[in-house]
Protein backbone atom coordinates (compact mmCIF):
# COMPACT_ATOMS: atom_id res chain seq x y z
CA UNK A 1 54.25 92.45 108.56
CA UNK A 2 55.43 91.18 110.99
CA UNK A 3 59.12 92.15 113.23
CA UNK A 4 60.73 89.37 111.59
CA UNK A 5 62.67 92.54 109.28
CA UNK A 6 64.24 94.31 112.33
CA UNK A 7 66.00 90.98 113.61
CA UNK A 8 69.57 91.24 113.15
CA UNK A 9 70.23 88.52 111.53
CA UNK A 10 67.47 88.99 108.45
CA UNK A 11 70.48 90.53 106.34
CA UNK A 12 73.00 88.27 107.92
CA UNK A 13 75.08 87.76 105.05
CA UNK A 14 77.68 85.19 107.05
CA UNK A 15 77.66 83.44 110.32
CA UNK A 16 80.44 85.67 111.84
CA UNK A 17 78.25 88.93 110.92
CA UNK A 18 75.73 87.15 114.14
CA UNK A 19 76.26 87.39 118.34
CA UNK A 20 77.75 84.33 119.70
CA UNK A 21 74.93 81.67 120.25
CA UNK A 22 73.28 82.35 117.05
CA UNK A 23 77.31 82.87 114.72
CA UNK A 24 77.43 78.68 116.18
CA UNK A 25 74.02 77.81 115.01
CA UNK A 26 74.15 79.52 110.84
CA UNK A 27 77.89 77.51 110.98
CA UNK A 28 76.16 74.73 111.68
CA UNK A 29 73.98 75.18 108.97
CA UNK A 30 77.02 76.49 106.38
CA UNK A 31 78.81 73.53 107.07
CA UNK A 32 75.51 71.31 107.15
CA UNK A 33 75.24 70.96 102.75
CA UNK A 34 79.18 70.11 101.99
CA UNK A 35 78.84 67.59 104.56
CA UNK A 36 76.03 66.10 102.75
CA UNK A 37 77.29 65.97 99.38
CA UNK A 38 81.23 65.07 100.60
CA UNK A 39 79.39 62.19 103.00
CA UNK A 40 77.01 60.30 100.21
CA UNK A 41 80.21 60.34 97.78
CA UNK A 42 82.01 59.04 100.29
CA UNK A 43 80.19 56.40 101.09
CA UNK A 44 79.49 55.54 97.73
CA UNK A 45 83.20 54.71 97.15
CA UNK A 46 83.45 52.78 100.75
CA UNK A 47 80.43 50.35 99.71
CA UNK A 48 81.87 49.67 96.94
CA UNK A 49 84.62 48.17 98.13
CA UNK A 50 83.52 46.83 101.73
CA UNK A 51 79.94 45.69 100.48
CA UNK A 52 80.30 45.96 96.26
CA UNK A 53 76.91 43.92 96.04
CA UNK A 54 74.63 46.56 98.22
CA UNK A 55 76.61 49.67 95.88
CA UNK A 56 76.10 48.01 92.62
CA UNK A 57 71.79 47.69 94.09
CA UNK A 58 71.91 50.48 95.31
CA UNK A 59 73.35 52.02 92.02
CA UNK A 60 71.12 50.41 89.78
CA UNK A 61 68.51 51.92 91.33
CA UNK A 62 69.56 54.73 92.12
CA UNK A 63 70.12 55.05 87.61
CA UNK A 64 66.49 54.43 87.68
CA UNK A 65 65.45 57.26 89.73
CA UNK A 66 67.53 59.41 87.09
CA UNK A 67 65.29 57.74 84.66
CA UNK A 68 62.21 58.67 85.51
CA UNK A 69 63.64 62.20 87.25
CA UNK A 70 64.38 62.89 83.27
CA UNK A 71 61.21 61.87 82.02
CA UNK A 72 59.90 63.69 84.52
CA UNK A 73 61.73 66.82 83.70
CA UNK A 74 60.89 65.96 79.45
CA UNK A 75 58.13 66.21 80.44
CA UNK A 76 58.12 69.72 82.10
CA UNK A 77 60.15 71.13 79.95
CA UNK A 78 57.90 70.43 77.22
CA UNK A 79 54.97 71.63 78.68
CA UNK A 80 56.98 75.12 79.55
CA UNK A 81 57.93 75.35 75.98
CA UNK A 82 54.29 74.87 74.70
CA UNK A 83 53.28 77.40 77.01
CA UNK A 84 56.57 80.04 76.91
CA UNK A 85 56.01 79.78 72.71
CA UNK A 86 52.08 80.23 72.76
CA UNK A 87 53.25 83.55 75.48
CA UNK A 88 54.79 84.75 72.96
CA UNK A 89 51.94 84.37 70.15
CA UNK A 90 49.31 86.21 72.72
CA UNK A 91 48.66 89.77 72.21
CA UNK A 92 49.40 91.25 75.43
CA UNK A 93 48.49 94.44 74.12
CA UNK A 94 44.73 93.36 73.79
CA UNK A 95 45.59 91.32 76.81
CA UNK A 96 45.26 94.65 78.99
CA UNK A 97 42.69 96.66 76.98
CA UNK A 98 39.84 95.08 80.57
CA UNK A 99 42.27 97.10 82.63
CA UNK A 100 43.42 100.54 83.38
CA UNK A 101 46.86 99.94 83.16
CA UNK A 102 48.03 103.58 82.53
CA UNK A 103 49.23 103.78 85.81
CA UNK A 104 51.93 101.45 86.06
CA UNK A 105 55.87 102.45 85.86
CA UNK A 106 58.57 100.19 84.97
CA UNK A 107 61.60 101.20 87.21
CA UNK A 108 64.16 99.14 84.76
CA UNK A 109 67.95 98.93 86.96
CA UNK A 110 70.34 98.68 84.94
CA UNK A 111 73.56 97.60 86.70
CA UNK A 112 76.96 97.61 85.16
CA UNK A 113 81.05 97.47 85.58
CA UNK A 114 83.31 97.91 82.65
CA UNK A 115 81.40 96.34 79.92
CA UNK A 116 81.96 97.61 76.03
CA UNK A 117 80.37 100.53 75.61
CA UNK A 118 78.40 99.12 73.16
CA UNK A 119 76.62 95.98 75.08
CA UNK A 120 75.28 98.75 77.87
CA UNK A 121 74.03 100.74 74.54
CA UNK A 122 71.61 97.62 72.38
CA UNK A 123 70.60 96.99 75.78
CA UNK A 124 69.27 101.03 76.35
CA UNK A 125 68.89 100.34 72.31
CA UNK A 126 66.41 97.58 73.11
CA UNK A 127 63.87 98.71 75.47
CA UNK A 128 63.29 100.61 73.15
CA UNK A 129 61.37 98.16 70.77
CA UNK A 130 58.88 97.50 73.89
CA UNK A 131 55.82 97.29 73.03
CA UNK A 132 54.98 99.16 76.62
CA UNK A 133 54.90 102.82 76.10
CA UNK A 134 58.51 104.46 76.56
CA UNK A 135 57.18 107.20 78.22
CA UNK A 136 55.85 104.99 81.24
CA UNK A 137 59.67 103.43 81.82
CA UNK A 138 62.37 104.68 84.01
CA UNK A 139 65.75 103.84 83.47
CA UNK A 140 68.32 103.91 86.13
CA UNK A 141 71.56 103.56 84.79
CA UNK A 142 74.13 101.97 87.34
CA UNK A 143 77.81 102.48 87.45
CA UNK A 144 80.45 101.43 90.33
CA UNK A 145 83.30 103.92 90.84
CA UNK A 146 85.30 101.02 91.25
CA UNK A 147 85.25 100.64 87.72
CA UNK A 148 86.68 104.42 87.00
CA UNK A 149 85.87 106.73 84.84
CA UNK A 150 85.56 104.74 81.59
CA UNK A 151 82.40 103.77 83.29
CA UNK A 152 81.26 107.21 84.14
CA UNK A 153 81.81 108.37 80.60
CA UNK A 154 80.34 105.40 79.16
CA UNK A 155 76.91 106.62 81.69
CA UNK A 156 77.16 110.39 80.11
CA UNK A 157 76.96 109.01 76.61
CA UNK A 158 74.21 106.45 77.07
CA UNK A 159 71.96 109.66 79.17
CA UNK A 160 72.78 111.90 76.09
CA UNK A 161 71.67 109.33 73.70
CA UNK A 162 68.32 108.30 75.65
CA UNK A 163 67.91 111.37 77.91
CA UNK A 164 64.44 112.20 76.21
CA UNK A 165 63.49 108.34 75.36
CA UNK A 166 62.15 107.87 78.89
CA UNK A 167 60.46 108.71 81.50
CA UNK A 168 63.41 110.08 83.47
CA UNK A 169 66.72 108.07 82.85
CA UNK A 170 69.45 108.62 85.95
CA UNK A 171 72.90 107.76 86.07
CA UNK A 172 73.86 106.39 89.78
CA UNK A 173 77.56 106.30 90.27
CA UNK A 174 78.03 103.44 92.87
CA UNK A 175 80.77 104.20 96.07
CA UNK A 176 83.13 102.03 96.63
CA UNK A 177 84.09 100.49 100.11
CA UNK A 178 80.89 101.56 101.53
CA UNK A 179 80.61 100.09 105.67
CA UNK A 180 78.73 96.57 104.85
CA UNK A 181 78.63 96.68 101.06
CA UNK A 182 80.54 93.64 99.77
CA UNK A 183 81.62 94.64 95.60
CA UNK A 184 78.54 93.58 93.53
CA UNK A 185 75.37 93.29 91.80
CA UNK A 186 72.83 93.12 94.83
CA UNK A 187 74.86 96.27 96.85
CA UNK A 188 75.11 98.54 93.04
CA UNK A 189 70.98 98.29 92.63
CA UNK A 190 70.30 98.67 95.70
CA UNK A 191 72.24 101.91 95.58
CA UNK A 192 70.60 102.36 92.64
CA UNK A 193 66.84 101.93 93.80
CA UNK A 194 67.05 103.89 96.92
CA UNK A 195 68.20 106.65 94.21
CA UNK A 196 65.17 106.73 91.92
CA UNK A 197 62.91 106.55 95.13
CA UNK A 198 64.40 110.01 97.11
CA UNK A 199 64.84 111.28 93.29
CA UNK A 200 61.76 109.73 91.36
CA UNK A 201 59.16 108.74 92.89
CA UNK A 202 58.96 110.61 96.14
CA UNK A 203 59.28 113.82 94.22
CA UNK A 204 57.10 112.87 92.03
CA UNK A 205 53.96 111.57 94.10
CA UNK A 206 54.22 108.27 92.38
CA UNK A 207 53.14 104.94 94.18
CA UNK A 208 54.65 102.05 94.79
CA UNK A 209 52.09 99.72 94.61
CA UNK A 210 52.95 101.36 90.64
CA UNK A 211 55.53 100.66 89.48
CA UNK A 212 57.43 97.35 88.96
CA UNK A 213 60.70 96.76 89.51
CA UNK A 214 62.86 94.94 86.83
CA UNK A 215 66.41 94.64 87.94
CA UNK A 216 67.84 93.25 85.07
CA UNK A 217 71.59 92.27 83.85
CA UNK A 218 73.54 94.61 81.38
CA UNK A 219 73.31 92.49 78.93
CA UNK A 220 69.86 91.54 79.27
CA UNK A 221 67.81 92.63 76.07
CA UNK A 222 63.68 91.80 76.60
CA UNK A 223 61.58 90.78 74.08
CA UNK A 224 58.73 93.19 72.94
CA UNK A 225 56.11 92.16 74.53
CA UNK A 226 58.16 91.78 77.74
CA UNK A 227 56.60 94.97 79.89
CA UNK A 228 53.27 94.37 78.67
CA UNK A 229 53.11 90.50 79.71
CA UNK A 230 54.56 91.80 83.10
CA UNK A 231 51.92 94.25 83.35
CA UNK A 232 48.99 91.65 82.78
CA UNK A 233 50.60 89.61 85.03
CA UNK A 234 51.37 91.99 88.35
CA UNK A 235 47.74 93.09 87.61
CA UNK A 236 45.66 90.02 87.75
CA UNK A 237 47.87 87.93 90.34
CA UNK A 238 46.37 87.25 94.14
CA UNK A 239 48.80 89.15 95.92
CA UNK A 240 50.92 91.61 93.88
CA UNK A 241 52.48 93.36 96.21
CA UNK A 242 52.77 89.50 97.46
CA UNK A 243 54.91 88.36 94.33
CA UNK A 244 57.88 88.49 92.27
CA UNK A 245 57.66 87.34 88.29
CA UNK A 246 60.20 85.56 86.56
CA UNK A 247 60.78 85.17 82.81
CA UNK A 248 62.56 83.07 81.11
CA UNK A 249 66.51 83.87 80.14
CA UNK A 250 67.57 82.58 76.85
CA UNK A 251 71.10 83.57 76.43
CA UNK A 252 70.39 83.70 72.57
CA UNK A 253 72.32 86.75 72.17
CA UNK A 254 75.40 86.21 70.85
CA UNK A 255 74.84 82.17 70.89
CA UNK A 256 75.83 81.51 66.90
CA UNK A 257 79.48 82.90 68.28
CA UNK A 258 79.40 80.62 71.27
CA UNK A 259 81.78 77.61 70.98
CA UNK A 260 79.34 74.37 71.86
CA UNK A 261 80.82 74.05 75.37
CA UNK A 262 78.36 77.24 76.04
CA UNK A 263 76.12 76.88 73.98
CA UNK A 264 75.08 73.47 75.69
CA UNK A 265 75.71 75.39 79.55
CA UNK A 266 73.74 78.53 78.39
CA UNK A 267 70.74 75.78 77.56
CA UNK A 268 70.76 73.40 80.31
CA UNK A 269 70.19 77.05 82.41
CA UNK A 270 67.73 78.29 79.50
CA UNK A 271 65.78 74.70 80.51
CA UNK A 272 66.16 74.69 83.82
CA UNK A 273 64.07 77.73 84.21
CA UNK A 274 61.85 76.52 82.04
CA UNK A 275 61.59 72.86 84.32
CA UNK A 276 60.56 75.73 87.53
CA UNK A 277 58.29 77.57 85.57
CA UNK A 278 56.15 74.64 85.29
CA UNK A 279 56.69 73.96 89.62
CA UNK A 280 56.03 77.19 91.03
CA UNK A 281 56.24 75.64 94.23
CA UNK A 282 59.87 75.61 94.06
CA UNK A 283 60.84 78.61 91.70
CA UNK A 284 62.86 81.19 93.02
CA UNK A 285 64.23 84.44 91.43
CA UNK A 286 66.76 84.26 89.24
CA UNK A 287 69.04 86.87 87.63
CA UNK A 288 66.98 89.81 85.27
CA UNK A 289 63.64 89.52 87.55
CA UNK A 290 61.01 92.42 88.54
CA UNK A 291 58.97 93.08 91.40
CA UNK A 292 56.25 95.79 92.82
CA UNK A 293 58.45 98.57 94.62
CA UNK A 294 56.22 98.29 97.18
CA UNK A 295 57.49 94.96 98.28
CA UNK A 296 61.07 96.09 97.68
CA UNK A 297 61.06 98.82 99.54
CA UNK A 298 59.65 97.33 102.58
CA UNK A 299 62.00 94.51 102.96
CA UNK A 300 64.95 97.14 102.64
CA UNK A 301 65.75 96.97 98.59
CA UNK A 302 68.61 94.27 97.67
CA UNK A 303 70.91 92.45 100.60
CA UNK A 304 74.21 94.22 100.05
CA UNK A 305 76.49 91.21 101.57
CA UNK A 306 76.24 88.21 99.83
CA UNK A 307 76.99 87.15 95.79
CA UNK A 308 73.47 85.89 95.23
CA UNK A 309 71.10 88.70 94.90
CA UNK A 310 68.83 87.84 93.01
CA UNK A 311 67.39 84.78 94.56
CA UNK A 312 68.58 86.13 97.97
CA UNK A 313 65.43 88.78 97.58
CA UNK A 314 62.68 85.89 97.58
CA UNK A 315 63.86 84.25 100.33
CA UNK A 316 64.23 87.77 102.21
CA UNK A 317 60.45 88.44 101.34
CA UNK A 318 59.01 85.44 102.25
CA UNK A 319 60.87 85.12 105.78
CA UNK A 320 60.04 89.53 106.09
CA UNK A 321 56.47 88.39 105.26
CA UNK A 322 56.41 85.91 107.43
CA UNK A 323 56.01 83.34 104.27
CA UNK A 324 53.39 84.83 102.34
CA UNK A 325 55.67 85.62 98.70
CA UNK A 326 55.52 83.59 96.11
CA UNK A 327 56.67 84.09 92.31
CA UNK A 328 54.81 84.67 89.72
CA UNK A 329 56.46 82.48 87.18
CA UNK A 330 55.26 84.22 83.35
CA UNK A 331 56.50 81.69 81.10
CA UNK A 332 57.69 85.32 78.53
CA UNK A 333 61.49 85.27 77.32
CA UNK A 334 64.62 87.58 77.60
CA UNK A 335 67.63 87.44 75.85
CA UNK A 336 71.15 87.27 76.82
CA UNK A 337 74.57 86.71 76.65
CA UNK A 338 76.18 83.15 76.28
CA UNK A 339 79.28 83.09 77.86
CA UNK A 340 81.86 84.21 74.96
CA UNK A 341 85.45 85.05 75.69
CA UNK A 342 88.55 86.03 73.02
CA UNK A 343 89.97 82.52 73.27
CA UNK A 344 88.34 78.98 74.01
CA UNK A 345 90.41 78.27 77.35
CA UNK A 346 89.12 81.83 78.96
CA UNK A 347 85.45 80.93 77.87
CA UNK A 348 86.40 77.54 79.20
CA UNK A 349 87.53 79.43 82.87
CA UNK A 350 84.33 81.62 82.88
CA UNK A 351 82.07 79.38 81.91
CA UNK A 352 83.28 77.42 85.32
CA UNK A 353 83.92 80.81 87.27
CA UNK A 354 79.67 81.50 86.33
CA UNK A 355 79.06 77.95 87.32
CA UNK A 356 80.54 78.34 90.17
CA UNK A 357 78.66 82.18 91.21
CA UNK A 358 75.13 80.41 89.88
CA UNK A 359 76.67 77.81 92.70
CA UNK A 360 76.88 79.56 95.79
CA UNK A 361 73.42 80.35 95.88
CA UNK A 362 73.88 77.21 98.39
CA UNK A 363 74.69 80.34 100.90
CA UNK A 364 71.09 80.88 101.20
CA UNK A 365 70.21 77.35 102.77
CA UNK A 366 71.50 78.23 105.87
CA UNK A 367 70.58 81.51 106.10
CA UNK A 368 66.35 79.61 105.20
CA UNK A 369 66.70 77.40 107.30
CA UNK A 370 68.40 80.21 110.54
CA UNK A 371 64.99 81.69 109.43
CA UNK A 372 62.50 78.94 109.67
CA UNK A 373 64.38 78.52 112.85
CA UNK A 374 63.57 81.28 114.33
CA UNK A 375 60.21 83.04 112.36
CA UNK A 376 57.91 80.84 114.08
CA UNK A 377 54.85 82.20 112.04
CA UNK A 378 55.63 81.08 108.90
CA UNK A 379 53.66 77.39 108.74
CA UNK A 380 55.95 74.33 109.82
CA UNK A 381 54.90 72.18 106.68
CA UNK A 382 56.20 75.60 103.95
CA UNK A 383 59.08 75.70 105.74
CA UNK A 384 60.02 71.76 105.52
CA UNK A 385 58.92 71.38 102.14
CA UNK A 386 61.15 74.91 101.18
CA UNK A 387 63.99 73.46 103.49
CA UNK A 388 63.65 70.33 102.04
CA UNK A 389 63.70 71.66 98.29
CA UNK A 390 66.73 73.59 98.42
CA UNK A 391 68.67 71.18 100.25
CA UNK A 392 67.74 68.55 97.79
CA UNK A 393 68.50 70.44 95.09
CA UNK A 394 71.94 71.66 95.59
CA UNK A 395 73.24 67.63 96.91
CA UNK A 396 71.31 66.63 93.19
CA UNK A 397 73.15 68.97 91.55
CA UNK A 398 76.84 68.06 93.49
CA UNK A 399 76.31 64.53 93.41
CA UNK A 400 73.76 63.21 91.32
CA UNK A 401 76.26 63.38 88.07
CA UNK A 402 79.48 62.08 89.38
CA UNK A 403 77.75 59.23 90.53
CA UNK A 404 75.60 58.33 87.73
CA UNK A 405 78.93 58.76 85.35
CA UNK A 406 82.46 58.42 87.60
CA UNK A 407 81.48 56.33 90.72
CA UNK A 408 79.00 53.63 89.09
CA UNK A 409 81.32 51.99 88.10
CA UNK A 410 83.96 52.00 91.44
CA UNK A 411 82.37 48.34 92.29
CA UNK A 412 83.98 46.65 89.37
CA UNK A 413 86.45 48.33 90.04
CA UNK A 414 87.00 48.18 93.94
CA UNK A 415 84.64 45.14 94.69
CA UNK A 416 87.43 42.92 94.01
CA UNK A 417 88.12 39.05 92.33
CA UNK A 418 84.61 37.68 94.68
CA UNK A 419 82.29 40.07 93.38
CA UNK A 420 83.78 40.63 89.63
CA UNK A 421 83.21 36.92 90.02
CA UNK A 422 79.68 37.15 90.25
CA UNK A 423 76.38 37.72 88.19
CA UNK A 424 76.07 40.80 89.27
CA UNK A 425 79.62 42.14 88.47
CA UNK A 426 78.46 40.83 84.94
CA UNK A 427 75.28 43.13 84.45
CA UNK A 428 76.10 45.82 86.10
CA UNK A 429 77.88 48.62 83.31
CA UNK A 430 75.13 46.53 80.85
CA UNK A 431 71.94 47.31 83.14
CA UNK A 432 73.48 51.38 83.63
CA UNK A 433 74.25 51.44 79.79
CA UNK A 434 70.76 50.46 78.56
CA UNK A 435 69.19 52.64 81.82
CA UNK A 436 71.68 55.51 80.63
CA UNK A 437 70.61 55.41 76.91
CA UNK A 438 66.89 55.46 78.02
CA UNK A 439 67.83 58.81 79.66
CA UNK A 440 69.71 59.80 77.08
CA UNK A 441 66.49 60.58 75.24
CA UNK A 442 65.90 63.12 77.61
CA UNK A 443 68.87 65.28 75.51
CA UNK A 444 66.13 64.74 71.53
CA UNK A 445 63.59 66.44 73.52
CA UNK A 446 66.31 69.03 74.07
CA UNK A 447 67.68 69.13 70.99
CA UNK A 448 64.86 70.07 69.26
CA UNK A 449 63.36 72.20 71.98
CA UNK A 450 66.57 74.76 72.11
CA UNK A 451 66.42 75.14 67.85
CA UNK A 452 62.91 77.05 68.68
CA UNK A 453 65.25 79.63 70.72
CA UNK A 454 67.71 80.53 67.70
CA UNK A 455 67.98 83.79 65.94
CA UNK A 456 68.25 83.45 62.31
CA UNK A 457 71.46 82.28 61.57
CA UNK A 458 74.30 84.76 60.67
CA UNK A 459 75.12 85.24 57.06
CA UNK A 460 78.87 84.43 57.59
CA UNK A 461 78.51 80.83 58.68
CA UNK A 462 77.12 78.01 56.90
CA UNK A 463 75.18 74.80 56.93
CA UNK A 464 78.11 73.22 58.92
CA UNK A 465 78.25 75.44 61.81
CA UNK A 466 74.12 74.10 62.25
CA UNK A 467 75.65 70.07 62.23
CA UNK A 468 77.71 71.44 65.40
CA UNK A 469 75.47 73.05 67.33
CA UNK A 470 73.11 69.60 66.82
CA UNK A 471 75.86 67.37 67.66
CA UNK A 472 76.50 69.68 70.94
CA UNK A 473 74.41 67.58 73.19
CA UNK A 474 77.42 64.62 72.71
CA UNK A 475 79.09 66.99 75.72
CA UNK A 476 76.13 67.29 78.21
CA UNK A 477 77.34 63.90 80.50
CA UNK A 478 80.96 65.92 80.43
CA UNK A 479 78.54 69.12 81.62
CA UNK A 480 76.94 67.78 83.91
CA UNK A 481 79.61 66.61 85.95
CA UNK A 482 82.93 69.07 85.37
CA UNK A 483 80.26 72.41 84.81
CA UNK A 484 78.07 71.03 87.22
CA UNK A 485 78.75 69.09 90.24
CA UNK A 486 82.57 69.88 90.51
CA UNK A 487 81.05 73.69 90.89
CA UNK A 488 78.93 72.66 93.14
CA UNK A 489 81.28 71.30 95.04
CA UNK A 490 83.70 73.85 95.05
CA UNK A 491 80.92 76.09 96.06
CA UNK A 492 79.98 73.67 99.21
CA UNK A 493 83.32 72.99 100.18
CA UNK A 494 83.93 76.85 99.87
CA UNK A 495 81.22 77.37 102.12
CA UNK A 496 81.36 74.17 104.74
CA UNK A 497 85.21 75.80 105.48
CA UNK A 498 84.37 79.64 105.62
CA UNK A 499 86.10 80.36 102.40
CA UNK A 500 83.55 83.05 101.74
CA UNK A 501 83.26 83.71 97.67
CA UNK A 502 82.92 87.76 96.08
CA UNK A 503 80.64 88.33 93.79
CA UNK A 504 82.54 88.06 90.34
CA UNK A 505 81.44 90.03 87.23
CA UNK A 506 80.99 87.32 83.54
CA UNK A 507 83.28 89.81 81.52
CA UNK A 508 80.60 90.10 78.31
CA UNK A 509 82.24 89.92 74.94
CA UNK A 510 80.47 89.66 71.47
CA UNK A 511 82.27 89.26 67.68
CA UNK A 512 82.63 92.28 65.96
C-alpha cells in the first residue's frame, strides 16, 4: 500500500476540512456536478426559446438515446436475473467442498438506532437460518448512545436471547459527539469494527485475512446460503483482500404491506443494483456489503464524517491501494425493508428523504476526482474512466427524466408561432410519443422479473392486491421525475452551495 492513506485529505468529508490551496480545488469539484446538471436544464429551456428547431432535433436524438439505453439496460437486467436465479439454486456448500474454509469467520455488524425490538430480533434470527456454521459467525449489535436507554435495553435483550447462538455476540454503544464524527451509520460501524478487532480478533489471534465483514442495515435478512456464497467468492477471488463483495438488495421483507409508490421505488433500486452486477467495472459498494477485515483495517475502517459510507468505503480502498481494488458481484440476494410508514403521506416523505440520502452519494464525486488529481500512481485510463462514469451517472440521474418527460415539450411551448407552424413542430410529439412507447416495453420486462422476487402472498390480502402489483408500473415516469431527478438535483444543489447533509435514518415500520 502506498502513502496515500496517510495524507490529510484521505478522510476528508468536505472542502472546509482541507488546507487553503486544496480547499479551493475541492470546493470547485463540489460545485461541478450541480453546475453540469443545472446548466443542461437551463440550456434546454434557452434552446427551446431561441432555437426551437435545434432544441427539437436534440430532444428527438435524446429520446433515441434513451430508447437504446433502455434496451441495453433491460438486457443486462434480464441477464442478471438469470444469473441470480442460477446462484440461488446452486448448492454452495457443495461448491465449497474443494476448499478448506472452516478457518473463515464472518463478522456481521448490525447498527441500529431506535428501531423496534421486533425489527432487531428478526434480523438477528435470520442469521440462525443460515446454512453456514453459526459458530463461525461473530455478531456485533451496534447501538447509539444518543438513542437512549430504550436502545440499550433492546441490545441487552438480544444478548440474553442470542448470546450463545454464535461464535461471539457483542454489544457496542457508540458514544455521541465524538470529535471529527458525524452522527450516522459510518461512525457507528467503524466503532463496532474497532471493538471487534481489539476485543475478539486480536485477543483470540484470528487472522484478519480469515475474517469477512458484512456491514448490514438493521433490517437486512440474508438468504440461507448467503455466507456460503460469499465465502466461495472470497476464496476464488483473484485478489480477495483487495476486493469488496456486493450482494443484490431485495426490498421484499414487507413488500406486500408497502403502498405501490414504495414498491416501485424499492424494486427500481433492486433492478439498478442487478444491472450494475452485470457491469462490475461500474460497480461500487452499496448498502449491505462485505469485505475482508484485512482491507478494512488497512484503510482505517469506514469514514466517520460522511453520509454515504457504504459507497465511500470502496473509493477509500481504491485510492489507498493505488487503483488495485474492485467490487466482486456475487449475484445473490439479501432481503431488506421497503419504505413503509403509518400513513401514505409519511411514506411518500420518507421515500423522498431516502432517495435524497442515496443521491447524496454525489459527495463522492469531488472526493474521487480530487483523489485522482493527487494520487498519480493510479493508471490514467482508470482514473479517467471511473471519474467519467461517476460524473455522468449523477448528471443522468438529475437531468434525463426531466428532459424526457417535461422539457421535451418546451419547444412547443416556447418556440413561438413560427416554429409551431412547421412540420417538425407537428411531428415532435408524435415522434417522442412513439419512441417513449417503445422504451416503455422495458417496463414489461421489469414487471415480469419483479414477480419472481415476491414472497408468498399473505392470507389477509386478496387477489385484488395482485392486480395492483401489476398496475403499479405505470407510476415509473412519475417516480423517475419526483423520486429520481428532483432529489438528485436537491442533493447536487446543496453540495454546490455547501449546505451539507447529515445522516437521515430511514424509519423501519412494519404492520402487525
